[in-house]
C-alpha atoms as a PDB file:
ATOM      1  CA  GLN A   1     155.792  75.822 109.304  1.00  0.00           C
ATOM      2  CA  VAL A   2     158.125  77.336 111.859  1.00  0.00           C
ATOM      3  CA  GLN A   3     159.497  80.762 111.041  1.00  0.00           C
ATOM      4  CA  LEU A   4     162.232  82.728 112.772  1.00  0.00           C
ATOM      5  CA  VAL A   5     162.481  86.306 111.542  1.00  0.00           C
ATOM      6  CA  GLU A   6     165.450  88.437 112.567  1.00  0.00           C
ATOM      7  CA  SER A   7     165.608  92.204 112.547  1.00  0.00           C
ATOM      8  CA  GLY A   8     167.777  94.963 113.924  1.00  0.00           C
ATOM      9  CA  GLY A   9     170.968  94.551 111.964  1.00  0.00           C
ATOM     10  CA  GLY A  10     172.729  97.445 110.314  1.00  0.00           C
ATOM     11  CA  LEU A  11     175.889  99.469 109.883  1.00  0.00           C
ATOM     12  CA  VAL A  12     177.414 100.983 113.005  1.00  0.00           C
ATOM     13  CA  GLN A  13     180.755 102.362 114.104  1.00  0.00           C
ATOM     14  CA  ALA A  14     183.062 100.582 116.509  1.00  0.00           C
ATOM     15  CA  GLY A  15     181.979 101.091 120.089  1.00  0.00           C
ATOM     16  CA  GLU A  16     178.299 101.477 119.280  1.00  0.00           C
ATOM     17  CA  SER A  17     175.427  99.156 120.128  1.00  0.00           C
ATOM     18  CA  LEU A  18     172.728  97.209 118.331  1.00  0.00           C
ATOM     19  CA  ARG A  19     169.854  95.022 119.451  1.00  0.00           C
ATOM     20  CA  LEU A  20     168.845  92.107 117.287  1.00  0.00           C
ATOM     21  CA  SER A  21     165.374  90.618 117.555  1.00  0.00           C
ATOM     22  CA  CYS A  22     164.092  87.234 116.477  1.00  0.00           C
ATOM     23  CA  ALA A  23     160.347  86.757 116.293  1.00  0.00           C
ATOM     24  CA  ALA A  24     159.194  83.148 116.257  1.00  0.00           C
ATOM     25  CA  SER A  25     155.987  81.863 114.728  1.00  0.00           C
ATOM     26  CA  ARG A  26     154.504  78.366 114.965  1.00  0.00           C
ATOM     27  CA  LEU A  27     157.049  77.659 117.694  1.00  0.00           C
ATOM     28  CA  ILE A  28     156.426  78.267 121.376  1.00  0.00           C
ATOM     29  CA  LEU A  29     159.583  79.995 122.486  1.00  0.00           C
ATOM     30  CA  SER A  30     159.284  78.950 126.120  1.00  0.00           C
ATOM     31  CA  ARG A  31     159.631  75.296 125.075  1.00  0.00           C
ATOM     32  CA  TYR A  32     162.730  75.668 122.929  1.00  0.00           C
ATOM     33  CA  SER A  33     166.346  76.403 123.633  1.00  0.00           C
ATOM     34  CA  MET A  34     167.327  79.329 121.425  1.00  0.00           C
ATOM     35  CA  GLY A  35     170.530  80.810 120.191  1.00  0.00           C
ATOM     36  CA  TRP A  36     172.319  83.296 118.010  1.00  0.00           C
ATOM     37  CA  PHE A  37     174.998  82.271 115.543  1.00  0.00           C
ATOM     38  CA  ARG A  38     177.029  84.325 113.094  1.00  0.00           C
ATOM     39  CA  GLN A  39     178.942  83.797 109.916  1.00  0.00           C
ATOM     40  CA  ALA A  40     181.592  86.141 108.603  1.00  0.00           C
ATOM     41  CA  PRO A  41     182.735  86.057 104.955  1.00  0.00           C
ATOM     42  CA  GLY A  42     184.973  83.084 104.320  1.00  0.00           C
ATOM     43  CA  LYS A  43     184.445  81.671 107.792  1.00  0.00           C
ATOM     44  CA  GLU A  44     182.345  78.908 109.276  1.00  0.00           C
ATOM     45  CA  ARG A  45     179.158  79.642 111.143  1.00  0.00           C
ATOM     46  CA  GLU A  46     179.821  79.911 114.872  1.00  0.00           C
ATOM     47  CA  PHE A  47     177.666  80.145 117.932  1.00  0.00           C
ATOM     48  CA  VAL A  48     177.506  83.510 119.634  1.00  0.00           C
ATOM     49  CA  ALA A  49     175.061  83.063 122.492  1.00  0.00           C
ATOM     50  CA  THR A  50     172.551  80.483 123.671  1.00  0.00           C
ATOM     51  CA  LEU A  51     169.688  80.365 126.109  1.00  0.00           C
ATOM     52  CA  ASN A  52     168.132  77.142 127.345  1.00  0.00           C
ATOM     53  CA  TRP A  53     164.356  76.734 127.297  1.00  0.00           C
ATOM     54  CA  ASN A  54     164.263  76.752 131.110  1.00  0.00           C
ATOM     55  CA  GLY A  55     166.062  80.084 131.275  1.00  0.00           C
ATOM     56  CA  VAL A  56     169.113  78.562 132.916  1.00  0.00           C
ATOM     57  CA  GLY A  57     172.666  78.429 131.580  1.00  0.00           C
ATOM     58  CA  LYS A  58     173.266  81.269 129.167  1.00  0.00           C
ATOM     59  CA  ARG A  59     176.446  80.685 127.210  1.00  0.00           C
ATOM     60  CA  TYR A  60     178.562  83.014 125.128  1.00  0.00           C
ATOM     61  CA  VAL A  61     181.508  82.629 122.833  1.00  0.00           C
ATOM     62  CA  ASP A  62     184.567  84.044 124.573  1.00  0.00           C
ATOM     63  CA  SER A  63     184.956  86.919 122.134  1.00  0.00           C
ATOM     64  CA  VAL A  64     181.600  88.478 123.118  1.00  0.00           C
ATOM     65  CA  LYS A  65     181.499  87.800 126.847  1.00  0.00           C
ATOM     66  CA  GLY A  66     180.764  90.966 128.760  1.00  0.00           C
ATOM     67  CA  ARG A  67     179.556  92.757 125.630  1.00  0.00           C
ATOM     68  CA  PHE A  68     176.579  90.730 124.338  1.00  0.00           C
ATOM     69  CA  THR A  69     173.480  89.608 126.216  1.00  0.00           C
ATOM     70  CA  ILE A  70     170.871  87.111 125.091  1.00  0.00           C
ATOM     71  CA  SER A  71     167.354  87.324 126.468  1.00  0.00           C
ATOM     72  CA  ALA A  72     163.825  86.246 125.674  1.00  0.00           C
ATOM     73  CA  ASP A  73     160.353  87.685 126.056  1.00  0.00           C
ATOM     74  CA  ASN A  74     158.073  84.667 126.054  1.00  0.00           C
ATOM     75  CA  ALA A  75     154.954  86.827 125.972  1.00  0.00           C
ATOM     76  CA  LYS A  76     156.154  88.285 122.668  1.00  0.00           C
ATOM     77  CA  ASN A  77     157.637  84.980 121.512  1.00  0.00           C
ATOM     78  CA  THR A  78     160.817  86.878 120.721  1.00  0.00           C
ATOM     79  CA  VAL A  79     164.474  86.389 121.561  1.00  0.00           C
ATOM     80  CA  TYR A  80     166.970  89.248 121.594  1.00  0.00           C
ATOM     81  CA  LEU A  81     170.689  89.794 121.328  1.00  0.00           C
ATOM     82  CA  GLN A  82     171.865  93.042 122.857  1.00  0.00           C
ATOM     83  CA  MET A  83     175.283  93.901 121.468  1.00  0.00           C
ATOM     84  CA  THR A  84     177.408  96.642 122.989  1.00  0.00           C
ATOM     85  CA  SER A  85     180.947  97.885 122.411  1.00  0.00           C
ATOM     86  CA  LEU A  86     180.836  96.463 118.920  1.00  0.00           C
ATOM     87  CA  LYS A  87     184.098  95.740 117.148  1.00  0.00           C
ATOM     88  CA  PRO A  88     184.914  95.377 113.453  1.00  0.00           C
ATOM     89  CA  GLU A  89     185.510  91.665 114.041  1.00  0.00           C
ATOM     90  CA  ASP A  90     181.831  91.338 115.026  1.00  0.00           C
ATOM     91  CA  THR A  91     180.921  92.001 111.397  1.00  0.00           C
ATOM     92  CA  ALA A  92     178.914  89.018 110.141  1.00  0.00           C
ATOM     93  CA  VAL A  93     175.485  87.770 109.220  1.00  0.00           C
ATOM     94  CA  TYR A  94     173.702  86.907 112.449  1.00  0.00           C
ATOM     95  CA  PHE A  95     171.281  84.013 112.526  1.00  0.00           C
ATOM     96  CA  CYS A  96     168.626  83.151 115.061  1.00  0.00           C
ATOM     97  CA  ALA A  97     168.319  79.445 115.807  1.00  0.00           C
ATOM     98  CA  ALA A  98     166.059  77.088 117.687  1.00  0.00           C
ATOM     99  CA  ALA A  99     166.982  73.656 118.965  1.00  0.00           C
ATOM    100  CA  ARG A 100     165.765  70.649 117.031  1.00  0.00           C
ATOM    101  CA  ASN A 101     163.367  69.442 119.720  1.00  0.00           C
ATOM    102  CA  PRO A 102     161.433  71.100 122.536  1.00  0.00           C
ATOM    103  CA  TRP A 103     162.400  70.635 126.166  1.00  0.00           C
ATOM    104  CA  THR A 104     166.035  69.948 125.294  1.00  0.00           C
ATOM    105  CA  LEU A 105     169.101  71.756 126.540  1.00  0.00           C
ATOM    106  CA  TRP A 106     171.994  72.838 124.389  1.00  0.00           C
ATOM    107  CA  ALA A 107     174.841  70.319 124.675  1.00  0.00           C
ATOM    108  CA  THR A 108     177.928  71.166 122.635  1.00  0.00           C
ATOM    109  CA  ILE A 109     176.012  73.842 120.697  1.00  0.00           C
ATOM    110  CA  SER A 110     176.931  72.240 117.402  1.00  0.00           C
ATOM    111  CA  LEU A 111     175.099  73.126 114.210  1.00  0.00           C
ATOM    112  CA  ASN A 112     173.598  69.613 114.300  1.00  0.00           C
ATOM    113  CA  GLU A 113     171.608  70.578 117.378  1.00  0.00           C
ATOM    114  CA  VAL A 114     169.788  73.312 115.482  1.00  0.00           C
ATOM    115  CA  GLY A 115     166.414  72.451 114.036  1.00  0.00           C
ATOM    116  CA  TYR A 116     165.338  75.853 112.746  1.00  0.00           C
ATOM    117  CA  TRP A 117     167.198  78.845 111.333  1.00  0.00           C
ATOM    118  CA  GLY A 118     166.213  82.386 110.579  1.00  0.00           C
ATOM    119  CA  GLN A 119     167.178  84.033 107.318  1.00  0.00           C
ATOM    120  CA  GLY A 120     169.921  86.116 108.909  1.00  0.00           C
ATOM    121  CA  THR A 121     170.528  89.809 109.428  1.00  0.00           C
ATOM    122  CA  GLN A 122     173.699  91.654 108.449  1.00  0.00           C
ATOM    123  CA  VAL A 123     175.724  93.452 111.099  1.00  0.00           C
ATOM    124  CA  THR A 124     178.577  95.605 109.856  1.00  0.00           C
ATOM    125  CA  VAL A 125     180.900  97.413 112.241  1.00  0.00           C
ATOM    126  CA  SER A 126     183.224 100.019 110.784  1.00  0.00           C
ATOM    127  CA  SER A 127     186.453 101.063 112.445  1.00  0.00           C
END
């Protein structure tokens, strides 16, 4: 079965950086649109960044534009989220996600478009 395994979370101070990784198994990354979502305590899960399977059309939630970068290394079958200038409001569990079907582009980036989820990695930013 498909597995998405995140790593790289942790506790950092405001202004610092982290890089999250998501290693995929039994899923060929180059065929799937991928994304990062996050969920803070008491809040709904929201999309953070997405990358289409064809490498075109990266999208970011407004609150992270200019600070976060999504990328993929197809040779390693891994997707990354580079996070810089972290803020306390970035504190959340971050989830890696793959689209439900291969060769499809993200549309509205709703949770319904996600077919596979990772287990999540905690990111905590202290002020």
